[in-house]
Amino acid sequence: ETRVLNRNMGRLETVIKNSLRRGDIMSRCSPSQFMVILPTVTEETGHKVLERIQKNFRRQYPKVGLQVYYSLRPLTYNK
């Protein structure tokens, strides 16, 4: 249901914002997706950040049936 999705994605947005450091960037890309840019992390520390977001969400909203999935990719750009 759209109302339930929006409420829970709002919760997730708050958790993401509270889990990131200064300089990290987040944006909502679709009704069910966020993009997070972590400019100063390695692949290993990037996974730690994303796992922390999952853990914080489960801790704050243990009864919400929302499953959080993520993938981590390097940001590439052309000069």
PDB file of N, CA and C in Angstrom:
ATOM      1  N   GLU A   1       0.842  -1.172   0.000  1.00  0.00           N
ATOM      2  CA  GLU A   1       0.000   0.000   0.000  1.00  0.00           C
ATOM      3  C   GLU A   1       0.893   1.244   0.000  1.00  0.00           C
ATOM      4  N   THR A   2       0.541   2.203  -0.795  1.00  0.00           N
ATOM      5  CA  THR A   2       1.343   3.415  -0.971  1.00  0.00           C
ATOM      6  C   THR A   2       1.529   4.182   0.327  1.00  0.00           C
ATOM      7  N   ARG A   3       0.493   4.300   1.114  1.00  0.00           N
ATOM      8  CA  ARG A   3       0.578   5.052   2.373  1.00  0.00           C
ATOM      9  C   ARG A   3       1.574   4.396   3.326  1.00  0.00           C
ATOM     10  N   VAL A   4       1.531   3.091   3.418  1.00  0.00           N
ATOM     11  CA  VAL A   4       2.445   2.350   4.299  1.00  0.00           C
ATOM     12  C   VAL A   4       3.878   2.469   3.790  1.00  0.00           C
ATOM     13  N   LEU A   5       4.046   2.339   2.474  1.00  0.00           N
ATOM     14  CA  LEU A   5       5.385   2.473   1.895  1.00  0.00           C
ATOM     15  C   LEU A   5       5.957   3.859   2.179  1.00  0.00           C
ATOM     16  N   ASN A   6       5.170   4.888   1.949  1.00  0.00           N
ATOM     17  CA  ASN A   6       5.649   6.257   2.175  1.00  0.00           C
ATOM     18  C   ASN A   6       6.021   6.502   3.633  1.00  0.00           C
ATOM     19  N   ARG A   7       5.216   6.010   4.556  1.00  0.00           N
ATOM     20  CA  ARG A   7       5.508   6.189   5.982  1.00  0.00           C
ATOM     21  C   ARG A   7       6.830   5.502   6.340  1.00  0.00           C
ATOM     22  N   ASN A   8       7.002   4.270   5.864  1.00  0.00           N
ATOM     23  CA  ASN A   8       8.211   3.524   6.217  1.00  0.00           C
ATOM     24  C   ASN A   8       9.448   4.047   5.495  1.00  0.00           C
ATOM     25  N   MET A   9       9.283   4.543   4.286  1.00  0.00           N
ATOM     26  CA  MET A   9      10.427   5.134   3.598  1.00  0.00           C
ATOM     27  C   MET A   9      10.817   6.450   4.258  1.00  0.00           C
ATOM     28  N   GLY A  10       9.853   7.163   4.810  1.00  0.00           N
ATOM     29  CA  GLY A  10      10.173   8.362   5.593  1.00  0.00           C
ATOM     30  C   GLY A  10      10.968   8.006   6.832  1.00  0.00           C
ATOM     31  N   ARG A  11      10.602   6.914   7.464  1.00  0.00           N
ATOM     32  CA  ARG A  11      11.354   6.441   8.627  1.00  0.00           C
ATOM     33  C   ARG A  11      12.780   6.080   8.223  1.00  0.00           C
ATOM     34  N   LEU A  12      12.898   5.354   7.107  1.00  0.00           N
ATOM     35  CA  LEU A  12      14.223   4.956   6.638  1.00  0.00           C
ATOM     36  C   LEU A  12      15.061   6.182   6.289  1.00  0.00           C
ATOM     37  N   GLU A  13      14.445   7.179   5.677  1.00  0.00           N
ATOM     38  CA  GLU A  13      15.167   8.411   5.347  1.00  0.00           C
ATOM     39  C   GLU A  13      15.751   9.057   6.596  1.00  0.00           C
ATOM     40  N   THR A  14      14.969   9.110   7.657  1.00  0.00           N
ATOM     41  CA  THR A  14      15.446   9.684   8.914  1.00  0.00           C
ATOM     42  C   THR A  14      16.618   8.880   9.467  1.00  0.00           C
ATOM     43  N   VAL A  15      16.508   7.563   9.424  1.00  0.00           N
ATOM     44  CA  VAL A  15      17.590   6.708   9.922  1.00  0.00           C
ATOM     45  C   VAL A  15      18.849   6.909   9.087  1.00  0.00           C
ATOM     46  N   ILE A  16      18.700   6.983   7.774  1.00  0.00           N
ATOM     47  CA  ILE A  16      19.870   7.197   6.913  1.00  0.00           C
ATOM     48  C   ILE A  16      20.537   8.521   7.271  1.00  0.00           C
ATOM     49  N   LYS A  17      19.751   9.596   7.338  1.00  0.00           N
ATOM     50  CA  LYS A  17      20.309  10.912   7.663  1.00  0.00           C
ATOM     51  C   LYS A  17      21.054  10.897   8.988  1.00  0.00           C
ATOM     52  N   ASN A  18      20.503  10.208   9.983  1.00  0.00           N
ATOM     53  CA  ASN A  18      21.134  10.159  11.302  1.00  0.00           C
ATOM     54  C   ASN A  18      22.333   9.215  11.354  1.00  0.00           C
ATOM     55  N   SER A  19      22.495   8.373  10.350  1.00  0.00           N
ATOM     56  CA  SER A  19      23.583   7.396  10.330  1.00  0.00           C
ATOM     57  C   SER A  19      24.784   7.862   9.512  1.00  0.00           C
ATOM     58  N   LEU A  20      24.611   8.926   8.739  1.00  0.00           N
ATOM     59  CA  LEU A  20      25.694   9.388   7.876  1.00  0.00           C
ATOM     60  C   LEU A  20      26.564  10.425   8.576  1.00  0.00           C
ATOM     61  N   ARG A  21      27.753  10.619   8.011  1.00  0.00           N
ATOM     62  CA  ARG A  21      28.677  11.606   8.547  1.00  0.00           C
ATOM     63  C   ARG A  21      28.575  12.885   7.730  1.00  0.00           C
ATOM     64  N   ARG A  22      29.159  13.940   8.247  1.00  0.00           N
ATOM     65  CA  ARG A  22      29.213  15.193   7.498  1.00  0.00           C
ATOM     66  C   ARG A  22      29.953  14.926   6.187  1.00  0.00           C
ATOM     67  N   GLY A  23      29.414  15.403   5.100  1.00  0.00           N
ATOM     68  CA  GLY A  23      30.039  15.208   3.798  1.00  0.00           C
ATOM     69  C   GLY A  23      29.423  14.077   2.995  1.00  0.00           C
ATOM     70  N   ASP A  24      28.732  13.149   3.652  1.00  0.00           N
ATOM     71  CA  ASP A  24      28.020  12.092   2.944  1.00  0.00           C
ATOM     72  C   ASP A  24      26.727  12.681   2.383  1.00  0.00           C
ATOM     73  N   ILE A  25      26.266  12.142   1.277  1.00  0.00           N
ATOM     74  CA  ILE A  25      25.106  12.692   0.588  1.00  0.00           C
ATOM     75  C   ILE A  25      24.078  11.592   0.382  1.00  0.00           C
ATOM     76  N   MET A  26      22.799  11.950   0.558  1.00  0.00           N
ATOM     77  CA  MET A  26      21.736  10.986   0.273  1.00  0.00           C
ATOM     78  C   MET A  26      20.642  11.651  -0.524  1.00  0.00           C
ATOM     79  N   SER A  27      19.947  10.853  -1.330  1.00  0.00           N
ATOM     80  CA  SER A  27      18.843  11.364  -2.120  1.00  0.00           C
ATOM     81  C   SER A  27      17.848  10.231  -2.341  1.00  0.00           C
ATOM     82  N   ARG A  28      16.585  10.570  -2.360  1.00  0.00           N
ATOM     83  CA  ARG A  28      15.554   9.582  -2.671  1.00  0.00           C
ATOM     84  C   ARG A  28      15.419   9.525  -4.183  1.00  0.00           C
ATOM     85  N   CYS A  29      15.581   8.340  -4.751  1.00  0.00           N
ATOM     86  CA  CYS A  29      15.586   8.163  -6.201  1.00  0.00           C
ATOM     87  C   CYS A  29      14.242   7.708  -6.746  1.00  0.00           C
ATOM     88  N   SER A  30      13.455   7.042  -5.940  1.00  0.00           N
ATOM     89  CA  SER A  30      12.151   6.532  -6.343  1.00  0.00           C
ATOM     90  C   SER A  30      11.343   6.319  -5.074  1.00  0.00           C
ATOM     91  N   PRO A  31      10.090   5.925  -5.185  1.00  0.00           N
ATOM     92  CA  PRO A  31       9.307   5.702  -3.962  1.00  0.00           C
ATOM     93  C   PRO A  31       9.914   4.664  -3.012  1.00  0.00           C
ATOM     94  N   SER A  32      10.765   3.783  -3.543  1.00  0.00           N
ATOM     95  CA  SER A  32      11.309   2.730  -2.679  1.00  0.00           C
ATOM     96  C   SER A  32      12.830   2.643  -2.715  1.00  0.00           C
ATOM     97  N   GLN A  33      13.525   3.692  -3.174  1.00  0.00           N
ATOM     98  CA  GLN A  33      14.982   3.650  -3.259  1.00  0.00           C
ATOM     99  C   GLN A  33      15.622   4.963  -2.826  1.00  0.00           C
ATOM    100  N   PHE A  34      16.773   4.804  -2.184  1.00  0.00           N
ATOM    101  CA  PHE A  34      17.628   5.939  -1.852  1.00  0.00           C
ATOM    102  C   PHE A  34      18.993   5.700  -2.474  1.00  0.00           C
ATOM    103  N   MET A  35      19.683   6.787  -2.771  1.00  0.00           N
ATOM    104  CA  MET A  35      21.066   6.713  -3.201  1.00  0.00           C
ATOM    105  C   MET A  35      21.884   7.448  -2.142  1.00  0.00           C
ATOM    106  N   VAL A  36      22.982   6.835  -1.746  1.00  0.00           N
ATOM    107  CA  VAL A  36      23.865   7.433  -0.754  1.00  0.00           C
ATOM    108  C   VAL A  36      25.251   7.530  -1.369  1.00  0.00           C
ATOM    109  N   ILE A  37      25.841   8.710  -1.328  1.00  0.00           N
ATOM    110  CA  ILE A  37      27.204   8.901  -1.824  1.00  0.00           C
ATOM    111  C   ILE A  37      28.112   9.078  -0.617  1.00  0.00           C
ATOM    112  N   LEU A  38      29.107   8.210  -0.529  1.00  0.00           N
ATOM    113  CA  LEU A  38      30.064   8.190   0.578  1.00  0.00           C
ATOM    114  C   LEU A  38      31.439   8.519   0.004  1.00  0.00           C
ATOM    115  N   PRO A  39      31.779   9.797  -0.102  1.00  0.00           N
ATOM    116  CA  PRO A  39      32.973  10.188  -0.856  1.00  0.00           C
ATOM    117  C   PRO A  39      34.309   9.765  -0.268  1.00  0.00           C
ATOM    118  N   THR A  40      34.382   9.457   1.004  1.00  0.00           N
ATOM    119  CA  THR A  40      35.699   9.179   1.597  1.00  0.00           C
ATOM    120  C   THR A  40      35.804   7.776   2.184  1.00  0.00           C
ATOM    121  N   VAL A  41      35.139   6.801   1.583  1.00  0.00           N
ATOM    122  CA  VAL A  41      35.194   5.447   2.141  1.00  0.00           C
ATOM    123  C   VAL A  41      35.811   4.473   1.157  1.00  0.00           C
ATOM    124  N   THR A  42      36.338   3.398   1.710  1.00  0.00           N
ATOM    125  CA  THR A  42      36.776   2.263   0.911  1.00  0.00           C
ATOM    126  C   THR A  42      35.581   1.323   0.773  1.00  0.00           C
ATOM    127  N   GLU A  43      35.748   0.277   0.009  1.00  0.00           N
ATOM    128  CA  GLU A  43      34.655  -0.687  -0.130  1.00  0.00           C
ATOM    129  C   GLU A  43      34.307  -1.298   1.236  1.00  0.00           C
ATOM    130  N   GLU A  44      35.318  -1.614   1.998  1.00  0.00           N
ATOM    131  CA  GLU A  44      35.110  -2.217   3.318  1.00  0.00           C
ATOM    132  C   GLU A  44      34.344  -1.277   4.251  1.00  0.00           C
ATOM    133  N   THR A  45      34.780  -0.030   4.336  1.00  0.00           N
ATOM    134  CA  THR A  45      34.096   0.905   5.233  1.00  0.00           C
ATOM    135  C   THR A  45      32.721   1.284   4.690  1.00  0.00           C
ATOM    136  N   GLY A  46      32.558   1.262   3.366  1.00  0.00           N
ATOM    137  CA  GLY A  46      31.246   1.507   2.776  1.00  0.00           C
ATOM    138  C   GLY A  46      30.230   0.467   3.217  1.00  0.00           C
ATOM    139  N   HIS A  47      30.653  -0.798   3.217  1.00  0.00           N
ATOM    140  CA  HIS A  47      29.765  -1.860   3.690  1.00  0.00           C
ATOM    141  C   HIS A  47      29.417  -1.661   5.170  1.00  0.00           C
ATOM    142  N   LYS A  48      30.388  -1.212   5.946  1.00  0.00           N
ATOM    143  CA  LYS A  48      30.123  -0.968   7.367  1.00  0.00           C
ATOM    144  C   LYS A  48      29.078   0.123   7.555  1.00  0.00           C
ATOM    145  N   VAL A  49      29.173   1.191   6.755  1.00  0.00           N
ATOM    146  CA  VAL A  49      28.193   2.279   6.842  1.00  0.00           C
ATOM    147  C   VAL A  49      26.801   1.757   6.509  1.00  0.00           C
ATOM    148  N   LEU A  50      26.692   0.992   5.429  1.00  0.00           N
ATOM    149  CA  LEU A  50      25.385   0.500   5.005  1.00  0.00           C
ATOM    150  C   LEU A  50      24.820  -0.527   5.985  1.00  0.00           C
ATOM    151  N   GLU A  51      25.684  -1.345   6.558  1.00  0.00           N
ATOM    152  CA  GLU A  51      25.225  -2.281   7.592  1.00  0.00           C
ATOM    153  C   GLU A  51      24.765  -1.528   8.840  1.00  0.00           C
ATOM    154  N   ARG A  52      25.430  -0.432   9.160  1.00  0.00           N
ATOM    155  CA  ARG A  52      25.021   0.390  10.296  1.00  0.00           C
ATOM    156  C   ARG A  52      23.624   0.976  10.060  1.00  0.00           C
ATOM    157  N   ILE A  53      23.351   1.404   8.836  1.00  0.00           N
ATOM    158  CA  ILE A  53      22.021   1.915   8.514  1.00  0.00           C
ATOM    159  C   ILE A  53      20.977   0.823   8.716  1.00  0.00           C
ATOM    160  N   GLN A  54      21.247  -0.379   8.204  1.00  0.00           N
ATOM    161  CA  GLN A  54      20.310  -1.495   8.397  1.00  0.00           C
ATOM    162  C   GLN A  54      20.088  -1.774   9.877  1.00  0.00           C
ATOM    163  N   LYS A  55      21.168  -1.838  10.631  1.00  0.00           N
ATOM    164  CA  LYS A  55      21.085  -2.139  12.065  1.00  0.00           C
ATOM    165  C   LYS A  55      20.298  -1.059  12.803  1.00  0.00           C
ATOM    166  N   ASN A  56      20.575   0.206  12.497  1.00  0.00           N
ATOM    167  CA  ASN A  56      19.860   1.301  13.149  1.00  0.00           C
ATOM    168  C   ASN A  56      18.373   1.267  12.820  1.00  0.00           C
ATOM    169  N   PHE A  57      18.029   0.942  11.569  1.00  0.00           N
ATOM    170  CA  PHE A  57      16.621   0.870  11.192  1.00  0.00           C
ATOM    171  C   PHE A  57      15.917  -0.262  11.948  1.00  0.00           C
ATOM    172  N   ARG A  58      16.536  -1.437  11.977  1.00  0.00           N
ATOM    173  CA  ARG A  58      15.928  -2.576  12.699  1.00  0.00           C
ATOM    174  C   ARG A  58      15.787  -2.282  14.188  1.00  0.00           C
ATOM    175  N   ARG A  59      16.765  -1.567  14.762  1.00  0.00           N
ATOM    176  CA  ARG A  59      16.710  -1.240  16.186  1.00  0.00           C
ATOM    177  C   ARG A  59      15.584  -0.247  16.467  1.00  0.00           C
ATOM    178  N   GLN A  60      15.433   0.767  15.627  1.00  0.00           N
ATOM    179  CA  GLN A  60      14.406   1.788  15.866  1.00  0.00           C
ATOM    180  C   GLN A  60      13.003   1.309  15.504  1.00  0.00           C
ATOM    181  N   TYR A  61      12.898   0.439  14.508  1.00  0.00           N
ATOM    182  CA  TYR A  61      11.580  -0.007  14.030  1.00  0.00           C
ATOM    183  C   TYR A  61      11.554  -1.533  13.917  1.00  0.00           C
ATOM    184  N   PRO A  62      11.637  -2.228  15.037  1.00  0.00           N
ATOM    185  CA  PRO A  62      11.738  -3.693  14.986  1.00  0.00           C
ATOM    186  C   PRO A  62      10.491  -4.387  14.441  1.00  0.00           C
ATOM    187  N   LYS A  63       9.343  -3.748  14.517  1.00  0.00           N
ATOM    188  CA  LYS A  63       8.111  -4.400  14.078  1.00  0.00           C
ATOM    189  C   LYS A  63       7.695  -4.036  12.662  1.00  0.00           C
ATOM    190  N   VAL A  64       8.463  -3.172  12.023  1.00  0.00           N
ATOM    191  CA  VAL A  64       8.150  -2.786  10.650  1.00  0.00           C
ATOM    192  C   VAL A  64       8.622  -3.903   9.723  1.00  0.00           C
ATOM    193  N   GLY A  65       7.759  -4.330   8.846  1.00  0.00           N
ATOM    194  CA  GLY A  65       8.096  -5.428   7.942  1.00  0.00           C
ATOM    195  C   GLY A  65       8.823  -4.978   6.690  1.00  0.00           C
ATOM    196  N   LEU A  66       9.644  -3.954   6.801  1.00  0.00           N
ATOM    197  CA  LEU A  66      10.382  -3.433   5.651  1.00  0.00           C
ATOM    198  C   LEU A  66      11.757  -4.085   5.622  1.00  0.00           C
ATOM    199  N   GLN A  67      12.112  -4.658   4.491  1.00  0.00           N
ATOM    200  CA  GLN A  67      13.424  -5.275   4.321  1.00  0.00           C
ATOM    201  C   GLN A  67      14.322  -4.272   3.608  1.00  0.00           C
ATOM    202  N   VAL A  68      15.482  -3.992   4.152  1.00  0.00           N
ATOM    203  CA  VAL A  68      16.409  -3.032   3.567  1.00  0.00           C
ATOM    204  C   VAL A  68      17.509  -3.800   2.838  1.00  0.00           C
ATOM    205  N   TYR A  69      17.622  -3.560   1.537  1.00  0.00           N
ATOM    206  CA  TYR A  69      18.664  -4.162   0.713  1.00  0.00           C
ATOM    207  C   TYR A  69      19.556  -3.049   0.195  1.00  0.00           C
ATOM    208  N   TYR A  70      20.818  -3.382  -0.042  1.00  0.00           N
ATOM    209  CA  TYR A  70      21.721  -2.381  -0.598  1.00  0.00           C
ATOM    210  C   TYR A  70      22.726  -3.030  -1.522  1.00  0.00           C
ATOM    211  N   SER A  71      23.279  -2.210  -2.388  1.00  0.00           N
ATOM    212  CA  SER A  71      24.441  -2.620  -3.181  1.00  0.00           C
ATOM    213  C   SER A  71      25.424  -1.453  -3.131  1.00  0.00           C
ATOM    214  N   LEU A  72      26.679  -1.773  -3.240  1.00  0.00           N
ATOM    215  CA  LEU A  72      27.744  -0.780  -3.133  1.00  0.00           C
ATOM    216  C   LEU A  72      28.548  -0.815  -4.425  1.00  0.00           C
ATOM    217  N   ARG A  73      28.701   0.353  -5.026  1.00  0.00           N
ATOM    218  CA  ARG A  73      29.472   0.453  -6.278  1.00  0.00           C
ATOM    219  C   ARG A  73      30.348   1.688  -6.217  1.00  0.00           C
ATOM    220  N   PRO A  74      31.511   1.620  -6.855  1.00  0.00           N
ATOM    221  CA  PRO A  74      32.358   2.821  -6.887  1.00  0.00           C
ATOM    222  C   PRO A  74      31.737   3.881  -7.776  1.00  0.00           C
ATOM    223  N   LEU A  75      31.921   5.114  -7.410  1.00  0.00           N
ATOM    224  CA  LEU A  75      31.453   6.230  -8.217  1.00  0.00           C
ATOM    225  C   LEU A  75      32.519   6.559  -9.226  1.00  0.00           C
ATOM    226  N   THR A  76      32.162   6.518 -10.501  1.00  0.00           N
ATOM    227  CA  THR A  76      33.110   6.818 -11.554  1.00  0.00           C
ATOM    228  C   THR A  76      32.703   8.085 -12.272  1.00  0.00           C
ATOM    229  N   TYR A  77      33.656   8.755 -12.819  1.00  0.00           N
ATOM    230  CA  TYR A  77      33.371   9.979 -13.559  1.00  0.00           C
ATOM    231  C   TYR A  77      34.408  10.146 -14.651  1.00  0.00           C
ATOM    232  N   ASN A  78      34.046  10.885 -15.673  1.00  0.00           N
ATOM    233  CA  ASN A  78      34.967  11.179 -16.780  1.00  0.00           C
ATOM    234  C   ASN A  78      35.499  12.595 -16.614  1.00  0.00           C
ATOM    235  N   LYS A  79      36.778  12.754 -16.835  1.00  0.00           N
ATOM    236  CA  LYS A  79      37.392  14.087 -16.731  1.00  0.00           C
ATOM    237  C   LYS A  79      37.221  14.853 -18.018  1.00  0.00           C
TER     238      LYS A  79
END
